Amino acid sequence: MTHQYENTETRREQIATAALEILSEEGIHKVTTRSIAARVGITDGTIFRHFKDKTEILLASMDLLERLMFSAFPAPRLPPLERLERFFRSRALLIGAAHSLGRLIFSEQLLHAAGPAGRGKVEQWKQRNVSFVLACLSELELEGSLPEGLSAERLLPVVQGTLLTYAMLHQADNVGLSARVDRDWDTLSRLLTR
C-alpha cells in the first residue's frame, strides 16, 4: 500500500472540507475524527498532525464556508437592485440546496460544535449579510425607487425573512429550487420597486 503525502495546507483543507461535508449531510453527531479520516483517506492520528482538536477543525471548516459565501459577493459598481438580486439568488441557492452547507448558518449545530469562536464567526456573517442588504435598500430609497411609505429598514426583514425560508426547505432537486428562487425574486422585486 502506498501512502500519498500532502503538504500541510492541502491536508488541512481536505480535513476541513470533509468535516463540513459530514456536518451538512449527516449532522454534528456524525462528525468524528474517524469519519473525517475515512472520508479523507487517512488515519485518525494523522488529523492531529494538522489540528489540535475537533473545534479547530470545525473553525477551519467555517473558514471554508465563509469563503464560499462571500467569494461571489456582487460588485459594488452594479446598480443596487441588480446587486440585491444577485445576492438574493446566490444566497437562496446556497441555503436551499439539498445537503446545503449554507443551511448550517441557521443551524444551532454549528454554533454548539464550534464554541464561542464559531458563534462569533456566524454573527459576523449574519451582520455582513444584513449590512449588504440594508445598503442596497438604502440606495434604492435614496434614489426614490422604493414604494412610497416603505423605507429600507421596513423592507429589510422582508428580504431576510424570504431568505430564511430557504433554510427550512428540504429541496430534493435543484431544478425546482431554481424555479422557486425565480418566483420569489419576481415577488420581491415587485415589492421593492415602484
N, C-alpha and C. Protein backbone atom coordinates (compact mmCIF):
# COMPACT_ATOMS: atom_id res chain seq x y z
N MET A 1 0.84 -1.18 0.00
CA MET A 1 0.00 0.00 0.00
C MET A 1 0.89 1.24 0.00
N THR A 2 0.63 2.12 -0.94
CA THR A 2 1.42 3.35 -0.99
C THR A 2 0.64 4.47 -0.35
N HIS A 3 1.33 5.33 0.37
CA HIS A 3 0.71 6.47 1.03
C HIS A 3 1.00 7.72 0.21
N GLN A 4 -0.02 8.54 0.09
CA GLN A 4 0.18 9.81 -0.59
C GLN A 4 0.29 10.88 0.49
N TYR A 5 1.42 11.54 0.51
CA TYR A 5 1.63 12.59 1.49
C TYR A 5 1.31 13.93 0.86
N GLU A 6 0.50 14.68 1.54
CA GLU A 6 0.11 16.00 1.06
C GLU A 6 0.81 17.05 1.92
N ASN A 7 1.01 18.22 1.34
CA ASN A 7 1.57 19.29 2.17
C ASN A 7 0.54 19.68 3.24
N THR A 8 0.99 20.34 4.26
CA THR A 8 0.14 20.64 5.41
C THR A 8 -1.10 21.43 5.03
N GLU A 9 -0.94 22.44 4.20
CA GLU A 9 -2.08 23.28 3.84
C GLU A 9 -3.13 22.48 3.06
N THR A 10 -2.69 21.65 2.14
CA THR A 10 -3.61 20.82 1.36
C THR A 10 -4.35 19.85 2.28
N ARG A 11 -3.62 19.21 3.16
CA ARG A 11 -4.24 18.24 4.07
C ARG A 11 -5.22 18.94 5.02
N ARG A 12 -4.86 20.11 5.52
CA ARG A 12 -5.78 20.85 6.41
C ARG A 12 -7.09 21.16 5.68
N GLU A 13 -6.98 21.57 4.42
CA GLU A 13 -8.18 21.88 3.66
C GLU A 13 -9.01 20.62 3.40
N GLN A 14 -8.36 19.51 3.11
CA GLN A 14 -9.09 18.24 2.91
C GLN A 14 -9.84 17.85 4.18
N ILE A 15 -9.20 17.98 5.32
CA ILE A 15 -9.82 17.61 6.60
C ILE A 15 -10.99 18.54 6.90
N ALA A 16 -10.78 19.83 6.73
CA ALA A 16 -11.84 20.80 6.99
C ALA A 16 -13.03 20.60 6.05
N THR A 17 -12.75 20.31 4.79
CA THR A 17 -13.81 20.06 3.81
C THR A 17 -14.60 18.82 4.18
N ALA A 18 -13.90 17.76 4.55
CA ALA A 18 -14.58 16.52 4.95
C ALA A 18 -15.49 16.76 6.15
N ALA A 19 -15.00 17.48 7.14
CA ALA A 19 -15.80 17.77 8.32
C ALA A 19 -17.05 18.57 7.96
N LEU A 20 -16.90 19.55 7.10
CA LEU A 20 -18.03 20.37 6.68
C LEU A 20 -19.06 19.54 5.90
N GLU A 21 -18.59 18.67 5.04
CA GLU A 21 -19.49 17.80 4.28
C GLU A 21 -20.27 16.87 5.21
N ILE A 22 -19.58 16.26 6.14
CA ILE A 22 -20.25 15.35 7.08
C ILE A 22 -21.26 16.11 7.92
N LEU A 23 -20.90 17.27 8.38
CA LEU A 23 -21.80 18.10 9.18
C LEU A 23 -23.06 18.44 8.41
N SER A 24 -22.92 18.84 7.17
CA SER A 24 -24.10 19.24 6.39
C SER A 24 -24.95 18.05 5.96
N GLU A 25 -24.31 16.91 5.70
CA GLU A 25 -25.04 15.74 5.22
C GLU A 25 -25.65 14.90 6.34
N GLU A 26 -24.92 14.81 7.47
CA GLU A 26 -25.32 13.84 8.49
C GLU A 26 -25.53 14.43 9.87
N GLY A 27 -25.10 15.66 10.09
CA GLY A 27 -25.29 16.28 11.39
C GLY A 27 -24.05 16.20 12.27
N ILE A 28 -24.07 17.00 13.32
CA ILE A 28 -22.90 17.14 14.18
C ILE A 28 -22.51 15.83 14.87
N HIS A 29 -23.48 15.00 15.23
CA HIS A 29 -23.17 13.76 15.93
C HIS A 29 -22.34 12.79 15.09
N LYS A 30 -22.30 12.98 13.79
CA LYS A 30 -21.52 12.11 12.90
C LYS A 30 -20.13 12.66 12.58
N VAL A 31 -19.86 13.88 13.03
CA VAL A 31 -18.54 14.47 12.78
C VAL A 31 -17.59 13.96 13.87
N THR A 32 -16.87 12.92 13.52
CA THR A 32 -15.87 12.34 14.43
C THR A 32 -14.54 12.30 13.69
N THR A 33 -13.45 12.16 14.45
CA THR A 33 -12.16 12.07 13.77
C THR A 33 -12.12 10.83 12.89
N ARG A 34 -12.78 9.78 13.30
CA ARG A 34 -12.82 8.55 12.49
C ARG A 34 -13.55 8.80 11.16
N SER A 35 -14.72 9.47 11.22
CA SER A 35 -15.47 9.70 9.98
C SER A 35 -14.75 10.68 9.06
N ILE A 36 -14.11 11.68 9.66
CA ILE A 36 -13.35 12.63 8.86
C ILE A 36 -12.17 11.93 8.19
N ALA A 37 -11.43 11.15 8.97
CA ALA A 37 -10.26 10.44 8.44
C ALA A 37 -10.67 9.49 7.32
N ALA A 38 -11.78 8.79 7.50
CA ALA A 38 -12.24 7.85 6.48
C ALA A 38 -12.57 8.58 5.17
N ARG A 39 -13.20 9.73 5.29
CA ARG A 39 -13.55 10.48 4.09
C ARG A 39 -12.33 11.00 3.36
N VAL A 40 -11.31 11.41 4.12
CA VAL A 40 -10.09 11.94 3.52
C VAL A 40 -9.18 10.81 3.03
N GLY A 41 -9.30 9.64 3.67
CA GLY A 41 -8.43 8.52 3.31
C GLY A 41 -7.13 8.51 4.10
N ILE A 42 -7.21 8.92 5.36
CA ILE A 42 -6.05 8.94 6.25
C ILE A 42 -6.42 8.26 7.57
N THR A 43 -5.45 8.12 8.45
CA THR A 43 -5.75 7.54 9.77
C THR A 43 -6.20 8.64 10.72
N ASP A 44 -6.89 8.23 11.79
CA ASP A 44 -7.36 9.20 12.79
C ASP A 44 -6.20 10.04 13.33
N GLY A 45 -5.10 9.41 13.63
CA GLY A 45 -3.96 10.09 14.22
C GLY A 45 -3.36 11.15 13.32
N THR A 46 -3.46 10.96 12.02
CA THR A 46 -2.91 11.92 11.07
C THR A 46 -3.61 13.27 11.21
N ILE A 47 -4.88 13.26 11.55
CA ILE A 47 -5.63 14.50 11.71
C ILE A 47 -4.94 15.41 12.72
N PHE A 48 -4.43 14.83 13.80
CA PHE A 48 -3.86 15.64 14.88
C PHE A 48 -2.44 16.11 14.59
N ARG A 49 -1.93 15.78 13.44
CA ARG A 49 -0.70 16.41 12.97
C ARG A 49 -1.00 17.78 12.38
N HIS A 50 -2.27 17.97 12.04
CA HIS A 50 -2.68 19.20 11.35
C HIS A 50 -3.60 20.09 12.19
N PHE A 51 -4.31 19.51 13.14
CA PHE A 51 -5.23 20.24 14.01
C PHE A 51 -5.06 19.76 15.44
N LYS A 52 -5.23 20.68 16.39
CA LYS A 52 -5.05 20.27 17.79
C LYS A 52 -6.29 19.57 18.34
N ASP A 53 -7.50 19.92 17.82
CA ASP A 53 -8.71 19.28 18.30
C ASP A 53 -9.86 19.46 17.30
N LYS A 54 -11.00 18.87 17.63
CA LYS A 54 -12.15 18.91 16.74
C LYS A 54 -12.67 20.34 16.56
N THR A 55 -12.63 21.15 17.61
CA THR A 55 -13.09 22.53 17.50
C THR A 55 -12.27 23.29 16.46
N GLU A 56 -10.97 23.07 16.46
CA GLU A 56 -10.11 23.74 15.48
C GLU A 56 -10.45 23.29 14.06
N ILE A 57 -10.80 22.02 13.91
CA ILE A 57 -11.23 21.50 12.59
C ILE A 57 -12.51 22.21 12.16
N LEU A 58 -13.46 22.32 13.07
CA LEU A 58 -14.74 22.96 12.73
C LEU A 58 -14.56 24.44 12.40
N LEU A 59 -13.66 25.11 13.12
CA LEU A 59 -13.39 26.52 12.80
C LEU A 59 -12.76 26.65 11.41
N ALA A 60 -11.89 25.73 11.04
CA ALA A 60 -11.31 25.73 9.69
C ALA A 60 -12.40 25.45 8.65
N SER A 61 -13.35 24.58 9.00
CA SER A 61 -14.47 24.31 8.10
C SER A 61 -15.32 25.55 7.91
N MET A 62 -15.49 26.30 8.98
CA MET A 62 -16.27 27.53 8.89
C MET A 62 -15.56 28.56 8.02
N ASP A 63 -14.24 28.56 8.04
CA ASP A 63 -13.49 29.46 7.15
C ASP A 63 -13.76 29.10 5.69
N LEU A 64 -13.83 27.80 5.40
CA LEU A 64 -14.16 27.37 4.03
C LEU A 64 -15.56 27.83 3.64
N LEU A 65 -16.50 27.66 4.55
CA LEU A 65 -17.87 28.08 4.28
C LEU A 65 -17.94 29.59 4.06
N GLU A 66 -17.19 30.33 4.85
CA GLU A 66 -17.16 31.79 4.68
C GLU A 66 -16.62 32.18 3.30
N ARG A 67 -15.56 31.52 2.87
CA ARG A 67 -15.02 31.81 1.53
C ARG A 67 -16.06 31.52 0.46
N LEU A 68 -16.77 30.42 0.62
CA LEU A 68 -17.81 30.06 -0.35
C LEU A 68 -18.91 31.12 -0.37
N MET A 69 -19.33 31.55 0.80
CA MET A 69 -20.44 32.51 0.87
C MET A 69 -20.08 33.88 0.33
N PHE A 70 -18.87 34.35 0.60
CA PHE A 70 -18.56 35.73 0.29
C PHE A 70 -17.68 35.92 -0.94
N SER A 71 -17.25 34.83 -1.56
CA SER A 71 -16.40 34.96 -2.75
C SER A 71 -17.16 35.53 -3.94
N ALA A 72 -18.46 35.30 -3.97
CA ALA A 72 -19.26 35.76 -5.11
C ALA A 72 -20.13 36.95 -4.77
N PHE A 73 -19.69 37.77 -3.82
CA PHE A 73 -20.45 38.97 -3.48
C PHE A 73 -20.54 39.86 -4.71
N PRO A 74 -21.71 40.42 -5.01
CA PRO A 74 -21.86 41.27 -6.19
C PRO A 74 -20.95 42.50 -6.14
N ALA A 75 -20.49 42.91 -7.30
CA ALA A 75 -19.60 44.07 -7.41
C ALA A 75 -20.32 45.35 -7.01
N PRO A 76 -19.65 46.21 -6.25
CA PRO A 76 -20.29 47.45 -5.79
C PRO A 76 -20.66 48.42 -6.92
N ARG A 77 -20.06 48.26 -8.09
CA ARG A 77 -20.34 49.18 -9.19
C ARG A 77 -21.70 48.92 -9.85
N LEU A 78 -22.32 47.77 -9.55
CA LEU A 78 -23.62 47.45 -10.13
C LEU A 78 -24.71 48.28 -9.48
N PRO A 79 -25.81 48.52 -10.20
CA PRO A 79 -26.94 49.22 -9.59
C PRO A 79 -27.47 48.44 -8.38
N PRO A 80 -28.04 49.13 -7.40
CA PRO A 80 -28.42 48.46 -6.15
C PRO A 80 -29.43 47.31 -6.32
N LEU A 81 -30.40 47.45 -7.19
CA LEU A 81 -31.37 46.36 -7.37
C LEU A 81 -30.71 45.14 -7.99
N GLU A 82 -29.78 45.35 -8.92
CA GLU A 82 -29.07 44.23 -9.53
C GLU A 82 -28.15 43.55 -8.51
N ARG A 83 -27.48 44.34 -7.67
CA ARG A 83 -26.64 43.76 -6.61
C ARG A 83 -27.49 42.93 -5.66
N LEU A 84 -28.64 43.48 -5.28
CA LEU A 84 -29.52 42.77 -4.36
C LEU A 84 -30.05 41.49 -4.99
N GLU A 85 -30.40 41.54 -6.26
CA GLU A 85 -30.88 40.33 -6.95
C GLU A 85 -29.80 39.26 -6.98
N ARG A 86 -28.59 39.62 -7.34
CA ARG A 86 -27.51 38.64 -7.40
C ARG A 86 -27.23 38.04 -6.03
N PHE A 87 -27.24 38.90 -5.01
CA PHE A 87 -27.04 38.43 -3.64
C PHE A 87 -28.16 37.46 -3.26
N PHE A 88 -29.41 37.87 -3.49
CA PHE A 88 -30.56 37.04 -3.13
C PHE A 88 -30.50 35.68 -3.80
N ARG A 89 -30.27 35.67 -5.11
CA ARG A 89 -30.23 34.41 -5.85
C ARG A 89 -29.11 33.51 -5.34
N SER A 90 -27.95 34.09 -5.14
CA SER A 90 -26.80 33.33 -4.66
C SER A 90 -27.08 32.72 -3.29
N ARG A 91 -27.59 33.53 -2.37
CA ARG A 91 -27.87 33.04 -1.01
C ARG A 91 -28.99 32.01 -1.01
N ALA A 92 -30.06 32.26 -1.76
CA ALA A 92 -31.19 31.33 -1.78
C ALA A 92 -30.75 29.97 -2.32
N LEU A 93 -29.95 29.97 -3.38
CA LEU A 93 -29.48 28.70 -3.95
C LEU A 93 -28.52 27.99 -2.99
N LEU A 94 -27.68 28.75 -2.32
CA LEU A 94 -26.74 28.16 -1.37
C LEU A 94 -27.48 27.55 -0.18
N ILE A 95 -28.42 28.30 0.36
CA ILE A 95 -29.13 27.86 1.56
C ILE A 95 -30.14 26.75 1.25
N GLY A 96 -30.80 26.85 0.10
CA GLY A 96 -31.88 25.92 -0.20
C GLY A 96 -31.48 24.61 -0.84
N ALA A 97 -30.24 24.48 -1.28
CA ALA A 97 -29.81 23.26 -1.97
C ALA A 97 -29.85 22.05 -1.04
N ALA A 98 -30.08 20.89 -1.62
CA ALA A 98 -30.05 19.64 -0.85
C ALA A 98 -28.67 19.49 -0.21
N HIS A 99 -28.64 18.99 1.02
CA HIS A 99 -27.39 18.86 1.79
C HIS A 99 -26.64 20.17 1.80
N SER A 100 -27.36 21.22 2.07
CA SER A 100 -26.80 22.56 1.94
C SER A 100 -25.83 22.93 3.04
N LEU A 101 -24.67 23.39 2.61
CA LEU A 101 -23.72 23.96 3.55
C LEU A 101 -24.26 25.29 4.07
N GLY A 102 -24.94 26.02 3.22
CA GLY A 102 -25.48 27.31 3.62
C GLY A 102 -26.51 27.21 4.73
N ARG A 103 -27.24 26.10 4.78
CA ARG A 103 -28.24 25.90 5.81
C ARG A 103 -27.60 25.85 7.20
N LEU A 104 -26.33 25.48 7.25
CA LEU A 104 -25.63 25.41 8.52
C LEU A 104 -25.55 26.76 9.22
N ILE A 105 -25.61 27.84 8.46
CA ILE A 105 -25.55 29.18 9.03
C ILE A 105 -26.68 29.38 10.03
N PHE A 106 -27.83 28.79 9.74
CA PHE A 106 -29.00 28.96 10.59
C PHE A 106 -29.15 27.83 11.60
N SER A 107 -28.19 26.95 11.62
CA SER A 107 -28.28 25.77 12.47
C SER A 107 -27.57 25.99 13.80
N GLU A 108 -28.20 25.57 14.86
CA GLU A 108 -27.57 25.62 16.17
C GLU A 108 -26.44 24.59 16.27
N GLN A 109 -26.46 23.58 15.41
CA GLN A 109 -25.42 22.55 15.43
C GLN A 109 -24.03 23.16 15.30
N LEU A 110 -23.88 24.01 14.33
CA LEU A 110 -22.59 24.63 14.08
C LEU A 110 -22.16 25.51 15.25
N LEU A 111 -23.11 26.24 15.80
CA LEU A 111 -22.79 27.12 16.91
C LEU A 111 -22.35 26.34 18.15
N HIS A 112 -23.03 25.26 18.43
CA HIS A 112 -22.66 24.44 19.59
C HIS A 112 -21.32 23.75 19.37
N ALA A 113 -21.11 23.27 18.19
CA ALA A 113 -19.91 22.48 17.91
C ALA A 113 -18.64 23.32 17.90
N ALA A 114 -18.72 24.53 17.42
CA ALA A 114 -17.51 25.36 17.26
C ALA A 114 -17.27 26.32 18.42
N GLY A 115 -18.13 26.32 19.41
CA GLY A 115 -17.90 27.12 20.60
C GLY A 115 -18.01 28.61 20.36
N PRO A 116 -17.51 29.41 21.32
CA PRO A 116 -17.63 30.87 21.23
C PRO A 116 -16.98 31.47 19.98
N ALA A 117 -15.86 30.94 19.56
CA ALA A 117 -15.21 31.46 18.35
C ALA A 117 -16.09 31.23 17.13
N GLY A 118 -16.72 30.06 17.06
CA GLY A 118 -17.63 29.77 15.95
C GLY A 118 -18.86 30.65 15.98
N ARG A 119 -19.39 30.87 17.19
CA ARG A 119 -20.56 31.74 17.33
C ARG A 119 -20.22 33.16 16.84
N GLY A 120 -19.02 33.61 17.17
CA GLY A 120 -18.58 34.93 16.71
C GLY A 120 -18.50 35.02 15.21
N LYS A 121 -17.99 33.96 14.57
CA LYS A 121 -17.91 33.94 13.11
C LYS A 121 -19.31 34.03 12.49
N VAL A 122 -20.24 33.23 12.99
CA VAL A 122 -21.59 33.22 12.43
C VAL A 122 -22.24 34.58 12.61
N GLU A 123 -22.05 35.19 13.76
CA GLU A 123 -22.62 36.53 13.99
C GLU A 123 -22.04 37.54 13.00
N GLN A 124 -20.74 37.45 12.72
CA GLN A 124 -20.12 38.34 11.73
C GLN A 124 -20.72 38.13 10.35
N TRP A 125 -20.94 36.86 9.98
CA TRP A 125 -21.54 36.57 8.68
C TRP A 125 -22.93 37.19 8.58
N LYS A 126 -23.72 36.96 9.62
CA LYS A 126 -25.09 37.49 9.60
C LYS A 126 -25.07 39.01 9.49
N GLN A 127 -24.20 39.66 10.25
CA GLN A 127 -24.12 41.12 10.22
C GLN A 127 -23.66 41.62 8.85
N ARG A 128 -22.72 40.92 8.26
CA ARG A 128 -22.25 41.31 6.93
C ARG A 128 -23.36 41.20 5.90
N ASN A 129 -24.16 40.13 5.97
CA ASN A 129 -25.28 39.95 5.06
C ASN A 129 -26.33 41.03 5.26
N VAL A 130 -26.69 41.29 6.53
CA VAL A 130 -27.70 42.31 6.83
C VAL A 130 -27.22 43.67 6.35
N SER A 131 -25.96 44.00 6.60
CA SER A 131 -25.41 45.29 6.18
C SER A 131 -25.46 45.44 4.66
N PHE A 132 -25.16 44.36 3.95
CA PHE A 132 -25.19 44.41 2.49
C PHE A 132 -26.61 44.68 1.99
N VAL A 133 -27.57 43.92 2.50
CA VAL A 133 -28.96 44.09 2.06
C VAL A 133 -29.45 45.49 2.41
N LEU A 134 -29.16 45.94 3.62
CA LEU A 134 -29.61 47.27 4.04
C LEU A 134 -28.97 48.36 3.18
N ALA A 135 -27.71 48.20 2.82
CA ALA A 135 -27.05 49.19 1.95
C ALA A 135 -27.73 49.27 0.59
N CYS A 136 -28.05 48.12 0.01
CA CYS A 136 -28.74 48.10 -1.29
C CYS A 136 -30.10 48.77 -1.17
N LEU A 137 -30.86 48.41 -0.14
CA LEU A 137 -32.19 49.00 0.04
C LEU A 137 -32.10 50.50 0.31
N SER A 138 -31.09 50.91 1.07
CA SER A 138 -30.92 52.34 1.36
C SER A 138 -30.62 53.13 0.08
N GLU A 139 -29.81 52.54 -0.80
CA GLU A 139 -29.53 53.20 -2.09
C GLU A 139 -30.80 53.32 -2.91
N LEU A 140 -31.61 52.26 -2.91
CA LEU A 140 -32.87 52.32 -3.64
C LEU A 140 -33.78 53.39 -3.05
N GLU A 141 -33.77 53.51 -1.72
CA GLU A 141 -34.58 54.54 -1.06
C GLU A 141 -34.10 55.93 -1.44
N LEU A 142 -32.78 56.15 -1.43
CA LEU A 142 -32.23 57.46 -1.78
C LEU A 142 -32.53 57.87 -3.21
N GLU A 143 -32.55 56.90 -4.10
CA GLU A 143 -32.85 57.25 -5.50
C GLU A 143 -34.36 57.31 -5.77
N GLY A 144 -35.16 57.08 -4.72
CA GLY A 144 -36.62 57.19 -4.87
C GLY A 144 -37.26 56.00 -5.54
N SER A 145 -36.60 54.86 -5.53
CA SER A 145 -37.13 53.67 -6.22
C SER A 145 -38.05 52.82 -5.35
N LEU A 146 -37.97 52.96 -4.04
CA LEU A 146 -38.82 52.15 -3.16
C LEU A 146 -40.25 52.66 -3.20
N PRO A 147 -41.22 51.78 -3.00
CA PRO A 147 -42.62 52.23 -2.96
C PRO A 147 -42.82 53.28 -1.87
N GLU A 148 -43.71 54.19 -2.12
CA GLU A 148 -43.98 55.28 -1.18
C GLU A 148 -44.39 54.71 0.18
N GLY A 149 -43.81 55.28 1.22
CA GLY A 149 -44.15 54.86 2.58
C GLY A 149 -43.34 53.70 3.10
N LEU A 150 -42.51 53.10 2.25
CA LEU A 150 -41.68 51.98 2.69
C LEU A 150 -40.22 52.40 2.72
N SER A 151 -39.58 52.14 3.83
CA SER A 151 -38.18 52.50 4.00
C SER A 151 -37.31 51.26 3.88
N ALA A 152 -36.02 51.49 3.78
CA ALA A 152 -35.06 50.38 3.73
C ALA A 152 -35.19 49.52 4.98
N GLU A 153 -35.32 50.16 6.14
CA GLU A 153 -35.42 49.42 7.40
C GLU A 153 -36.68 48.55 7.46
N ARG A 154 -37.78 49.04 6.90
CA ARG A 154 -39.02 48.26 6.91
C ARG A 154 -38.97 47.10 5.93
N LEU A 155 -38.22 47.25 4.85
CA LEU A 155 -38.15 46.18 3.84
C LEU A 155 -37.06 45.15 4.14
N LEU A 156 -36.11 45.51 4.98
CA LEU A 156 -35.03 44.58 5.33
C LEU A 156 -35.56 43.24 5.84
N PRO A 157 -36.50 43.20 6.80
CA PRO A 157 -36.98 41.90 7.27
C PRO A 157 -37.73 41.10 6.21
N VAL A 158 -38.27 41.77 5.23
CA VAL A 158 -38.97 41.07 4.14
C VAL A 158 -37.95 40.27 3.32
N VAL A 159 -36.84 40.91 2.97
CA VAL A 159 -35.80 40.24 2.18
C VAL A 159 -35.16 39.13 3.03
N GLN A 160 -34.76 39.47 4.25
CA GLN A 160 -34.11 38.50 5.12
C GLN A 160 -35.04 37.33 5.44
N GLY A 161 -36.31 37.63 5.70
CA GLY A 161 -37.28 36.58 6.00
C GLY A 161 -37.50 35.63 4.83
N THR A 162 -37.52 36.19 3.64
CA THR A 162 -37.68 35.33 2.45
C THR A 162 -36.49 34.39 2.32
N LEU A 163 -35.28 34.92 2.56
CA LEU A 163 -34.09 34.05 2.52
C LEU A 163 -34.14 32.99 3.61
N LEU A 164 -34.63 33.35 4.77
CA LEU A 164 -34.69 32.40 5.88
C LEU A 164 -35.57 31.21 5.56
N THR A 165 -36.60 31.42 4.74
CA THR A 165 -37.47 30.28 4.40
C THR A 165 -36.71 29.19 3.66
N TYR A 166 -35.64 29.55 2.97
CA TYR A 166 -34.85 28.54 2.25
C TYR A 166 -34.11 27.60 3.20
N ALA A 167 -33.84 28.07 4.40
CA ALA A 167 -33.18 27.21 5.39
C ALA A 167 -34.12 26.10 5.86
N MET A 168 -35.41 26.30 5.67
CA MET A 168 -36.39 25.30 6.10
C MET A 168 -36.81 24.36 4.99
N LEU A 169 -36.33 24.61 3.79
CA LEU A 169 -36.66 23.74 2.66
C LEU A 169 -35.92 22.42 2.76
N HIS A 170 -36.51 21.43 2.23
CA HIS A 170 -35.82 20.15 2.05
C HIS A 170 -35.95 19.80 0.59
N GLN A 171 -35.33 20.64 -0.23
CA GLN A 171 -35.44 20.55 -1.68
C GLN A 171 -34.67 19.33 -2.18
N ALA A 172 -35.33 18.49 -2.92
CA ALA A 172 -34.69 17.28 -3.44
C ALA A 172 -33.96 17.55 -4.75
N ASP A 173 -34.47 18.50 -5.53
CA ASP A 173 -33.82 18.77 -6.81
C ASP A 173 -33.57 20.26 -6.97
N ASN A 174 -32.42 20.58 -7.53
CA ASN A 174 -32.06 21.98 -7.69
C ASN A 174 -32.80 22.66 -8.83
N VAL A 175 -33.43 21.89 -9.73
CA VAL A 175 -34.23 22.49 -10.79
C VAL A 175 -35.46 23.15 -10.17
N GLY A 176 -36.12 22.44 -9.28
CA GLY A 176 -37.27 23.02 -8.57
C GLY A 176 -36.85 24.20 -7.72
N LEU A 177 -35.69 24.12 -7.15
CA LEU A 177 -35.17 25.21 -6.33
C LEU A 177 -34.96 26.46 -7.17
N SER A 178 -34.37 26.31 -8.34
CA SER A 178 -34.14 27.45 -9.22
C SER A 178 -35.45 28.14 -9.60
N ALA A 179 -36.47 27.35 -9.89
CA ALA A 179 -37.78 27.91 -10.24
C ALA A 179 -38.36 28.68 -9.05
N ARG A 180 -38.20 28.14 -7.86
CA ARG A 180 -38.71 28.83 -6.67
C ARG A 180 -37.96 30.15 -6.45
N VAL A 181 -36.64 30.13 -6.62
CA VAL A 181 -35.85 31.36 -6.47
C VAL A 181 -36.32 32.40 -7.47
N ASP A 182 -36.57 31.98 -8.72
CA ASP A 182 -37.08 32.90 -9.74
C ASP A 182 -38.40 33.53 -9.30
N ARG A 183 -39.33 32.70 -8.82
CA ARG A 183 -40.64 33.20 -8.39
C ARG A 183 -40.50 34.16 -7.21
N ASP A 184 -39.68 33.76 -6.23
CA ASP A 184 -39.52 34.60 -5.04
C ASP A 184 -38.86 35.93 -5.38
N TRP A 185 -37.86 35.90 -6.27
CA TRP A 185 -37.23 37.18 -6.63
C TRP A 185 -38.22 38.06 -7.39
N ASP A 186 -39.02 37.46 -8.27
CA ASP A 186 -40.02 38.24 -9.00
C ASP A 186 -40.96 38.94 -8.02
N THR A 187 -41.40 38.21 -7.01
CA THR A 187 -42.29 38.79 -6.00
C THR A 187 -41.59 39.90 -5.23
N LEU A 188 -40.36 39.64 -4.77
CA LEU A 188 -39.61 40.64 -4.02
C LEU A 188 -39.35 41.90 -4.86
N SER A 189 -38.95 41.71 -6.09
CA SER A 189 -38.62 42.88 -6.91
C SER A 189 -39.85 43.75 -7.15
N ARG A 190 -41.03 43.13 -7.20
CA ARG A 190 -42.27 43.91 -7.34
C ARG A 190 -42.56 44.71 -6.05
N LEU A 191 -42.22 44.11 -4.91
CA LEU A 191 -42.42 44.81 -3.63
C LEU A 191 -41.42 45.94 -3.43
N LEU A 192 -40.23 45.79 -4.01
CA LEU A 192 -39.15 46.72 -3.73
C LEU A 192 -39.07 47.92 -4.66
N THR A 193 -39.85 47.90 -5.73
CA THR A 193 -39.77 49.00 -6.69
C THR A 193 -41.15 49.57 -7.00
N ARG A 194 -41.13 50.80 -7.39
CA ARG A 194 -42.40 51.48 -7.77
C ARG A 194 -42.90 50.97 -9.09
